[in-house]
Amino acid sequence: MPELPGKKVGIVACSGEELPEGTVTRLAALKVLEELRPGETVTICLPLFLAGGEGDRTFARFYPTIALDGCELRCAARGTEMYSGKPAASVVVRDLIQQAGLPQPGGRRRLDEAGRRAVEATARETARLVDDLLGRPWSRLTGAPVQLAGGEAESHESIQAACSCGSGIPIQRVLVDEQEVTLMALPLIFENLRQQGKMPGPEVAGELLATVGIYNPIPAGREAAYEQALLREYAAFCQGRELAQ
């Protein structure tokens, strides 16, 4: 049975070593990855990302990312936006320290007590952002929650497309209300349902829409149109599989 990609949040931490705040970002990212939100987060290596690491860049194109920066230069956020897309959220440690009324951290390689407090505060804020991002649809272009206007009706044509990013994550373009939308992981979702013996019909409509909604934003008020389009595409998918056998 095909394995659907899990929704995760990528964390890009500052790589600067000349400031204590840079060390704070890296230790905070590690705390989130290993203690606070294991299994829900992955780290993105900023130097590799900037050097052309295609795997990290591809992840950042498809999944929400949180940039942790030590200072106002915001190298992690700017690098992510330049090569993949605007981060869904950003934390600047200096701003966080000021807002929380914490003392300035000291020590670049070995943080003092103030530095350790900054790590805790940064990690807690990052974990809060992870929860927020996993619980709502978001736009990787704007770094903001998706709130689109509603629509109606449906189309009767489908457009198949191979993965265009080279990531290995399959996509499919579908017409909904005569508007083309690109849905991530849709071929895998269809195959998963088919192998469970769930044929196209009203009884699978809710499950299909809910599963697609895990990986793609479904605009508020357009659920019925999406559901109808997905059922149409799933019927075509199953028919194609039967003909191929």
Foldseek 3Di string as FASTA:
>chain_A
DDDFDAAAEEEEAAPDLPFLLSVLRVLLVVCCCPPVPPPRYDYQYVVCLLVPVLQSQVCLQQHAYEYEAADPVSSRQVSNCVRHAGHLYYHHLVVQCVVVVQDGWDDRPDIDPSSVVSSVSSNVVVSVVSVVRQVADPDRHVSGGDADDADDDADQDFFADADDSPNPWGWGWFTFPNDTDIFTNLVVLLVVCVVVVNAQDPVCLVVSLVVSCSRHPDHPNHSVSVSVRSSSVSNVVVVVVVVVD
